Amino acid sequence: MACFNHADEQNNRPVLIPAGAKLGVTSHPAASRVDNIRRSLVHLKMPRPLKMLDPTIRRIEQWQIDGIEAIDDLLAKELSLRENRRVKAALRMARLSVIKTLAGYDFSVQPSLDRDRVMELAGLETLSIVQKSCICWGRRGQAKAT
């Protein structure tokens, strides 16, 4: 629990003081806050922001970013890491074969397949020619909307 009734004399802003703390006794509040953040990141199992914390604090001290940007950067990195892990886990669980691309395709397996034409179609250059006029044909209920 914390109280907000103590004001910072320089900025006239409320200061977060832990419950039970003695007023007037300051032992490097910024350092203790950073330690609290580190402990919280460890407890929340957020290793990426933990590694980025010191460089981020240096950027704040050098006035390159403000606190909101710092929080946004740290959370964005963690979110990116978790999303990548989620996708990798989903691909493992789906037991899909190795992802293949046209660059690795062996066109000698199907000699009648024209490599240049396939690569041209893969580039989607033909869609720029069509632009807006396109007719979709098919039975009712077969996704034809463009």
N, C-alpha and C. Protein backbone atom coordinates (compact mmCIF):
# COMPACT_ATOMS: atom_id res chain seq x y z
N MET A 1 0.85 -1.17 0.00
CA MET A 1 0.00 0.00 0.00
C MET A 1 0.89 1.24 0.00
N ALA A 2 0.44 2.29 -0.64
CA ALA A 2 1.24 3.51 -0.72
C ALA A 2 0.32 4.71 -0.55
N CYS A 3 0.92 5.83 -0.19
CA CYS A 3 0.13 7.05 -0.08
C CYS A 3 0.72 8.09 -1.01
N PHE A 4 -0.10 9.03 -1.46
CA PHE A 4 0.32 10.03 -2.43
C PHE A 4 0.24 11.44 -1.86
N ASN A 5 0.21 11.59 -0.56
CA ASN A 5 -0.03 12.91 0.00
C ASN A 5 1.25 13.70 0.25
N HIS A 6 2.40 13.15 -0.04
CA HIS A 6 3.65 13.86 0.12
C HIS A 6 4.03 14.47 -1.22
N ALA A 7 4.31 15.75 -1.31
CA ALA A 7 4.59 16.41 -2.58
C ALA A 7 6.09 16.61 -2.76
N ASP A 8 6.55 16.46 -3.98
CA ASP A 8 7.93 16.74 -4.35
C ASP A 8 8.08 18.25 -4.40
N GLU A 9 9.05 18.78 -3.68
CA GLU A 9 9.19 20.23 -3.57
C GLU A 9 9.58 20.88 -4.90
N GLN A 10 10.38 20.22 -5.70
CA GLN A 10 10.86 20.82 -6.94
C GLN A 10 9.78 20.85 -8.01
N ASN A 11 9.07 19.77 -8.18
CA ASN A 11 8.10 19.67 -9.27
C ASN A 11 6.66 19.84 -8.82
N ASN A 12 6.45 19.92 -7.52
CA ASN A 12 5.12 20.04 -6.95
C ASN A 12 4.21 18.92 -7.45
N ARG A 13 4.78 17.70 -7.51
CA ARG A 13 4.02 16.52 -7.91
C ARG A 13 3.97 15.56 -6.74
N PRO A 14 2.94 14.73 -6.68
CA PRO A 14 2.88 13.73 -5.61
C PRO A 14 3.98 12.69 -5.78
N VAL A 15 4.48 12.21 -4.68
CA VAL A 15 5.53 11.20 -4.67
C VAL A 15 4.96 9.94 -4.06
N LEU A 16 5.25 8.80 -4.66
CA LEU A 16 4.79 7.53 -4.16
C LEU A 16 5.67 7.12 -2.98
N ILE A 17 5.04 6.96 -1.82
CA ILE A 17 5.77 6.57 -0.62
C ILE A 17 5.17 5.28 -0.11
N PRO A 18 5.99 4.22 0.01
CA PRO A 18 5.47 2.96 0.51
C PRO A 18 4.89 3.11 1.92
N ALA A 19 3.85 2.35 2.20
CA ALA A 19 3.25 2.39 3.53
C ALA A 19 4.29 1.95 4.56
N GLY A 20 4.37 2.65 5.65
CA GLY A 20 5.31 2.32 6.71
C GLY A 20 6.66 3.00 6.54
N ALA A 21 6.87 3.69 5.42
CA ALA A 21 8.16 4.37 5.22
C ALA A 21 8.19 5.64 6.05
N LYS A 22 9.39 6.00 6.47
CA LYS A 22 9.56 7.22 7.26
C LYS A 22 9.77 8.40 6.34
N LEU A 23 9.00 9.46 6.54
CA LEU A 23 9.15 10.66 5.73
C LEU A 23 10.44 11.35 6.10
N GLY A 24 11.06 11.97 5.12
CA GLY A 24 12.30 12.69 5.36
C GLY A 24 13.53 11.81 5.22
N VAL A 25 13.39 10.49 5.17
CA VAL A 25 14.52 9.60 5.00
C VAL A 25 14.54 9.14 3.55
N THR A 26 15.50 9.63 2.78
CA THR A 26 15.59 9.24 1.38
C THR A 26 16.90 8.52 1.15
N SER A 27 16.81 7.31 0.67
CA SER A 27 18.01 6.55 0.36
C SER A 27 17.98 6.21 -1.13
N HIS A 28 18.33 7.18 -1.96
CA HIS A 28 18.35 7.03 -3.40
C HIS A 28 17.04 6.43 -3.93
N PRO A 29 15.96 7.22 -3.94
CA PRO A 29 14.67 6.69 -4.36
C PRO A 29 14.67 6.18 -5.79
N ALA A 30 15.46 6.82 -6.68
CA ALA A 30 15.47 6.35 -8.07
C ALA A 30 16.09 4.96 -8.15
N ALA A 31 17.16 4.73 -7.40
CA ALA A 31 17.82 3.43 -7.42
C ALA A 31 16.90 2.35 -6.86
N SER A 32 16.19 2.67 -5.79
CA SER A 32 15.29 1.68 -5.22
C SER A 32 14.12 1.40 -6.14
N ARG A 33 13.68 2.40 -6.87
CA ARG A 33 12.59 2.18 -7.84
C ARG A 33 13.06 1.27 -8.97
N VAL A 34 14.28 1.49 -9.42
CA VAL A 34 14.82 0.64 -10.48
C VAL A 34 14.95 -0.80 -9.97
N ASP A 35 15.38 -0.95 -8.73
CA ASP A 35 15.46 -2.29 -8.14
C ASP A 35 14.07 -2.93 -8.04
N ASN A 36 13.08 -2.13 -7.68
CA ASN A 36 11.70 -2.64 -7.62
C ASN A 36 11.23 -3.07 -9.00
N ILE A 37 11.56 -2.29 -10.02
CA ILE A 37 11.18 -2.63 -11.39
C ILE A 37 11.86 -3.94 -11.79
N ARG A 38 13.16 -4.06 -11.46
CA ARG A 38 13.88 -5.30 -11.78
C ARG A 38 13.21 -6.51 -11.12
N ARG A 39 12.90 -6.37 -9.84
CA ARG A 39 12.26 -7.48 -9.12
C ARG A 39 10.91 -7.81 -9.75
N SER A 40 10.17 -6.80 -10.13
CA SER A 40 8.86 -7.03 -10.76
C SER A 40 9.01 -7.74 -12.10
N LEU A 41 9.99 -7.33 -12.89
CA LEU A 41 10.21 -7.96 -14.19
C LEU A 41 10.63 -9.42 -14.03
N VAL A 42 11.44 -9.70 -13.02
CA VAL A 42 11.84 -11.08 -12.75
C VAL A 42 10.61 -11.89 -12.31
N HIS A 43 9.83 -11.33 -11.41
CA HIS A 43 8.65 -12.02 -10.91
C HIS A 43 7.62 -12.27 -12.01
N LEU A 44 7.50 -11.31 -12.93
CA LEU A 44 6.55 -11.44 -14.05
C LEU A 44 7.12 -12.27 -15.19
N LYS A 45 8.35 -12.75 -15.02
CA LYS A 45 9.03 -13.56 -16.03
C LYS A 45 9.09 -12.82 -17.37
N MET A 46 9.67 -11.63 -17.32
CA MET A 46 9.83 -10.79 -18.50
C MET A 46 11.33 -10.52 -18.72
N PRO A 47 12.07 -11.50 -19.26
CA PRO A 47 13.52 -11.34 -19.38
C PRO A 47 13.96 -10.29 -20.39
N ARG A 48 13.23 -10.12 -21.48
CA ARG A 48 13.63 -9.16 -22.51
C ARG A 48 13.62 -7.73 -21.97
N PRO A 49 12.52 -7.27 -21.35
CA PRO A 49 12.55 -5.92 -20.79
C PRO A 49 13.60 -5.78 -19.68
N LEU A 50 13.85 -6.86 -18.96
CA LEU A 50 14.86 -6.82 -17.91
C LEU A 50 16.23 -6.52 -18.51
N LYS A 51 16.55 -7.15 -19.64
CA LYS A 51 17.83 -6.89 -20.31
C LYS A 51 17.88 -5.47 -20.87
N MET A 52 16.74 -4.95 -21.29
CA MET A 52 16.69 -3.62 -21.90
C MET A 52 16.54 -2.50 -20.89
N LEU A 53 16.37 -2.82 -19.62
CA LEU A 53 16.08 -1.80 -18.62
C LEU A 53 17.20 -0.78 -18.48
N ASP A 54 18.43 -1.23 -18.31
CA ASP A 54 19.54 -0.29 -18.12
C ASP A 54 19.75 0.63 -19.32
N PRO A 55 19.79 0.10 -20.55
CA PRO A 55 19.91 1.01 -21.70
C PRO A 55 18.72 1.98 -21.81
N THR A 56 17.55 1.51 -21.45
CA THR A 56 16.36 2.38 -21.50
C THR A 56 16.48 3.50 -20.48
N ILE A 57 16.95 3.17 -19.29
CA ILE A 57 17.13 4.20 -18.25
C ILE A 57 18.17 5.22 -18.70
N ARG A 58 19.24 4.76 -19.35
CA ARG A 58 20.25 5.70 -19.86
C ARG A 58 19.63 6.63 -20.90
N ARG A 59 18.77 6.09 -21.77
CA ARG A 59 18.12 6.93 -22.77
C ARG A 59 17.20 7.96 -22.12
N ILE A 60 16.55 7.58 -21.03
CA ILE A 60 15.70 8.53 -20.30
C ILE A 60 16.56 9.61 -19.68
N GLU A 61 17.67 9.22 -19.06
CA GLU A 61 18.58 10.19 -18.42
C GLU A 61 19.19 11.15 -19.43
N GLN A 62 19.37 10.70 -20.66
CA GLN A 62 19.94 11.56 -21.70
C GLN A 62 18.86 12.34 -22.45
N TRP A 63 17.64 12.28 -21.99
CA TRP A 63 16.49 12.98 -22.55
C TRP A 63 16.20 12.57 -23.99
N GLN A 64 16.54 11.33 -24.36
CA GLN A 64 16.23 10.83 -25.69
C GLN A 64 14.78 10.37 -25.77
N ILE A 65 14.27 9.82 -24.67
CA ILE A 65 12.87 9.39 -24.60
C ILE A 65 12.31 9.78 -23.24
N ASP A 66 10.99 9.81 -23.15
CA ASP A 66 10.37 10.07 -21.85
C ASP A 66 9.89 8.74 -21.25
N GLY A 67 9.32 8.82 -20.09
CA GLY A 67 8.90 7.62 -19.37
C GLY A 67 7.86 6.80 -20.10
N ILE A 68 6.90 7.47 -20.72
CA ILE A 68 5.84 6.77 -21.45
C ILE A 68 6.42 6.01 -22.64
N GLU A 69 7.34 6.65 -23.37
CA GLU A 69 7.99 5.97 -24.49
C GLU A 69 8.79 4.76 -24.01
N ALA A 70 9.44 4.92 -22.86
CA ALA A 70 10.24 3.82 -22.30
C ALA A 70 9.34 2.63 -21.97
N ILE A 71 8.23 2.90 -21.32
CA ILE A 71 7.29 1.82 -20.98
C ILE A 71 6.77 1.17 -22.25
N ASP A 72 6.41 1.99 -23.23
CA ASP A 72 5.91 1.48 -24.50
C ASP A 72 6.94 0.60 -25.18
N ASP A 73 8.21 1.03 -25.22
CA ASP A 73 9.27 0.24 -25.85
C ASP A 73 9.45 -1.10 -25.14
N LEU A 74 9.53 -1.07 -23.82
CA LEU A 74 9.74 -2.30 -23.06
C LEU A 74 8.59 -3.28 -23.26
N LEU A 75 7.38 -2.78 -23.21
CA LEU A 75 6.21 -3.66 -23.39
C LEU A 75 6.10 -4.16 -24.83
N ALA A 76 6.45 -3.32 -25.79
CA ALA A 76 6.39 -3.74 -27.19
C ALA A 76 7.37 -4.88 -27.46
N LYS A 77 8.57 -4.78 -26.89
CA LYS A 77 9.56 -5.85 -27.07
C LYS A 77 9.07 -7.15 -26.45
N GLU A 78 8.50 -7.06 -25.25
CA GLU A 78 8.00 -8.26 -24.58
C GLU A 78 6.84 -8.86 -25.37
N LEU A 79 5.95 -8.02 -25.85
CA LEU A 79 4.81 -8.50 -26.63
C LEU A 79 5.28 -9.18 -27.90
N SER A 80 6.27 -8.61 -28.58
CA SER A 80 6.83 -9.20 -29.79
C SER A 80 7.45 -10.56 -29.49
N LEU A 81 8.19 -10.65 -28.41
CA LEU A 81 8.81 -11.91 -28.02
C LEU A 81 7.75 -12.98 -27.74
N ARG A 82 6.73 -12.61 -26.99
CA ARG A 82 5.67 -13.57 -26.66
C ARG A 82 4.88 -13.98 -27.89
N GLU A 83 4.62 -13.05 -28.80
CA GLU A 83 3.88 -13.38 -30.02
C GLU A 83 4.69 -14.34 -30.89
N ASN A 84 6.00 -14.09 -31.01
CA ASN A 84 6.85 -15.00 -31.78
C ASN A 84 6.86 -16.40 -31.16
N ARG A 85 6.95 -16.45 -29.84
CA ARG A 85 6.92 -17.75 -29.16
C ARG A 85 5.59 -18.46 -29.39
N ARG A 86 4.49 -17.70 -29.35
CA ARG A 86 3.16 -18.27 -29.54
C ARG A 86 3.03 -18.86 -30.94
N VAL A 87 3.51 -18.14 -31.94
CA VAL A 87 3.43 -18.62 -33.32
C VAL A 87 4.28 -19.87 -33.50
N LYS A 88 5.49 -19.86 -32.96
CA LYS A 88 6.35 -21.04 -33.07
C LYS A 88 5.72 -22.25 -32.39
N ALA A 89 5.14 -22.05 -31.22
CA ALA A 89 4.49 -23.16 -30.51
C ALA A 89 3.29 -23.67 -31.30
N ALA A 90 2.51 -22.76 -31.89
CA ALA A 90 1.35 -23.16 -32.67
C ALA A 90 1.78 -23.97 -33.90
N LEU A 91 2.88 -23.55 -34.54
CA LEU A 91 3.37 -24.29 -35.69
C LEU A 91 3.87 -25.68 -35.29
N ARG A 92 4.53 -25.77 -34.13
CA ARG A 92 4.99 -27.08 -33.64
C ARG A 92 3.80 -27.98 -33.34
N MET A 93 2.78 -27.42 -32.67
CA MET A 93 1.61 -28.22 -32.31
C MET A 93 0.84 -28.68 -33.56
N ALA A 94 0.84 -27.84 -34.60
CA ALA A 94 0.13 -28.19 -35.82
C ALA A 94 0.87 -29.27 -36.60
N ARG A 95 2.11 -29.49 -36.26
CA ARG A 95 2.95 -30.50 -36.92
C ARG A 95 2.96 -30.32 -38.43
N LEU A 96 3.08 -29.07 -38.83
CA LEU A 96 3.17 -28.77 -40.26
C LEU A 96 4.56 -29.14 -40.76
N SER A 97 4.64 -29.46 -42.02
CA SER A 97 5.95 -29.75 -42.59
C SER A 97 6.73 -28.44 -42.68
N VAL A 98 7.96 -28.57 -43.09
CA VAL A 98 8.83 -27.41 -43.21
C VAL A 98 8.21 -26.41 -44.17
N ILE A 99 8.29 -25.14 -43.85
CA ILE A 99 7.74 -24.09 -44.71
C ILE A 99 8.56 -24.04 -45.99
N LYS A 100 7.87 -24.09 -47.12
CA LYS A 100 8.54 -24.10 -48.41
C LYS A 100 8.17 -22.84 -49.19
N THR A 101 9.11 -22.38 -50.00
CA THR A 101 8.88 -21.21 -50.85
C THR A 101 9.17 -21.60 -52.29
N LEU A 102 8.78 -20.74 -53.22
CA LEU A 102 9.05 -21.01 -54.63
C LEU A 102 10.55 -21.00 -54.92
N ALA A 103 11.31 -20.25 -54.15
CA ALA A 103 12.76 -20.19 -54.38
C ALA A 103 13.40 -21.56 -54.21
N GLY A 104 12.87 -22.38 -53.35
CA GLY A 104 13.44 -23.69 -53.11
C GLY A 104 12.77 -24.81 -53.90
N TYR A 105 11.80 -24.46 -54.75
CA TYR A 105 11.06 -25.49 -55.48
C TYR A 105 11.91 -26.07 -56.62
N ASP A 106 11.87 -27.38 -56.77
CA ASP A 106 12.59 -28.07 -57.84
C ASP A 106 11.68 -28.19 -59.05
N PHE A 107 11.88 -27.30 -60.03
CA PHE A 107 11.02 -27.29 -61.22
C PHE A 107 11.30 -28.47 -62.14
N SER A 108 12.39 -29.21 -61.92
CA SER A 108 12.69 -30.38 -62.76
C SER A 108 11.74 -31.53 -62.46
N VAL A 109 11.08 -31.50 -61.34
CA VAL A 109 10.11 -32.54 -60.99
C VAL A 109 8.93 -32.51 -61.95
N GLN A 110 8.52 -31.31 -62.36
CA GLN A 110 7.40 -31.13 -63.28
C GLN A 110 7.91 -30.32 -64.48
N PRO A 111 8.48 -30.99 -65.49
CA PRO A 111 9.09 -30.27 -66.62
C PRO A 111 8.11 -29.40 -67.41
N SER A 112 6.84 -29.74 -67.41
CA SER A 112 5.87 -28.95 -68.18
C SER A 112 5.55 -27.61 -67.51
N LEU A 113 6.00 -27.43 -66.28
CA LEU A 113 5.75 -26.19 -65.54
C LEU A 113 6.80 -25.15 -65.93
N ASP A 114 6.34 -24.02 -66.46
CA ASP A 114 7.25 -22.97 -66.91
C ASP A 114 7.70 -22.14 -65.71
N ARG A 115 8.97 -22.25 -65.38
CA ARG A 115 9.52 -21.57 -64.19
C ARG A 115 9.33 -20.05 -64.27
N ASP A 116 9.65 -19.46 -65.43
CA ASP A 116 9.54 -18.01 -65.58
C ASP A 116 8.10 -17.52 -65.40
N ARG A 117 7.16 -18.26 -65.94
CA ARG A 117 5.75 -17.86 -65.82
C ARG A 117 5.28 -17.96 -64.37
N VAL A 118 5.67 -19.02 -63.67
CA VAL A 118 5.29 -19.18 -62.27
C VAL A 118 5.87 -18.04 -61.43
N MET A 119 7.13 -17.70 -61.67
CA MET A 119 7.75 -16.61 -60.90
C MET A 119 7.09 -15.26 -61.21
N GLU A 120 6.68 -15.07 -62.47
CA GLU A 120 5.98 -13.84 -62.84
C GLU A 120 4.63 -13.75 -62.12
N LEU A 121 3.90 -14.86 -62.10
CA LEU A 121 2.62 -14.88 -61.40
C LEU A 121 2.80 -14.68 -59.90
N ALA A 122 3.87 -15.21 -59.34
CA ALA A 122 4.13 -15.06 -57.91
C ALA A 122 4.41 -13.60 -57.56
N GLY A 123 4.94 -12.83 -58.50
CA GLY A 123 5.23 -11.42 -58.25
C GLY A 123 3.99 -10.55 -58.20
N LEU A 124 2.85 -11.08 -58.62
CA LEU A 124 1.55 -10.38 -58.61
C LEU A 124 1.56 -9.11 -59.45
N GLU A 125 2.46 -9.03 -60.43
CA GLU A 125 2.49 -7.86 -61.32
C GLU A 125 1.23 -7.78 -62.18
N THR A 126 0.64 -8.93 -62.47
CA THR A 126 -0.55 -8.94 -63.31
C THR A 126 -1.72 -8.24 -62.63
N LEU A 127 -1.74 -8.21 -61.31
CA LEU A 127 -2.84 -7.54 -60.60
C LEU A 127 -2.82 -6.04 -60.79
N SER A 128 -1.64 -5.45 -61.00
CA SER A 128 -1.58 -4.00 -61.22
C SER A 128 -2.20 -3.62 -62.56
N ILE A 129 -2.20 -4.55 -63.51
CA ILE A 129 -2.81 -4.28 -64.80
C ILE A 129 -4.34 -4.30 -64.67
N VAL A 130 -4.86 -5.25 -63.94
CA VAL A 130 -6.30 -5.41 -63.79
C VAL A 130 -6.89 -4.23 -63.03
N GLN A 131 -6.26 -3.77 -62.01
CA GLN A 131 -6.67 -2.69 -61.13
C GLN A 131 -8.08 -2.86 -60.60
N LYS A 132 -9.09 -2.21 -61.24
CA LYS A 132 -10.42 -2.19 -60.64
C LYS A 132 -11.42 -3.10 -61.33
N SER A 133 -11.20 -3.45 -62.57
CA SER A 133 -12.20 -4.24 -63.29
C SER A 133 -11.88 -5.72 -63.18
N CYS A 134 -12.69 -6.41 -62.41
CA CYS A 134 -12.49 -7.83 -62.20
C CYS A 134 -13.86 -8.49 -62.05
N ILE A 135 -14.06 -9.60 -62.77
CA ILE A 135 -15.31 -10.33 -62.68
C ILE A 135 -15.02 -11.66 -62.00
N CYS A 136 -15.78 -11.96 -60.96
CA CYS A 136 -15.63 -13.22 -60.25
C CYS A 136 -16.82 -14.11 -60.60
N TRP A 137 -16.55 -15.33 -60.96
CA TRP A 137 -17.56 -16.25 -61.41
C TRP A 137 -17.54 -17.49 -60.53
N GLY A 138 -18.70 -17.94 -60.12
CA GLY A 138 -18.76 -19.15 -59.32
C GLY A 138 -20.14 -19.36 -58.76
N ARG A 139 -20.33 -20.50 -58.11
CA ARG A 139 -21.63 -20.80 -57.51
C ARG A 139 -21.90 -19.90 -56.32
N ARG A 140 -23.17 -19.83 -55.96
CA ARG A 140 -23.58 -19.05 -54.82
C ARG A 140 -22.93 -19.65 -53.55
N GLY A 141 -22.39 -18.77 -52.68
CA GLY A 141 -21.80 -19.22 -51.43
C GLY A 141 -20.32 -19.55 -51.54
N GLN A 142 -19.71 -19.32 -52.70
CA GLN A 142 -18.28 -19.61 -52.87
C GLN A 142 -17.50 -18.31 -52.92
N ALA A 143 -17.17 -17.74 -51.84
CA ALA A 143 -16.41 -16.50 -51.65
C ALA A 143 -15.88 -15.87 -52.94
N LYS A 144 -16.67 -14.99 -53.52
CA LYS A 144 -16.28 -14.30 -54.75
C LYS A 144 -16.08 -12.82 -54.50
N ALA A 145 -16.35 -12.34 -53.31
CA ALA A 145 -16.25 -10.90 -53.03
C ALA A 145 -14.81 -10.45 -53.17
N THR A 146 -14.64 -9.25 -53.72
CA THR A 146 -13.28 -8.69 -53.85
C THR A 146 -13.16 -7.40 -53.11
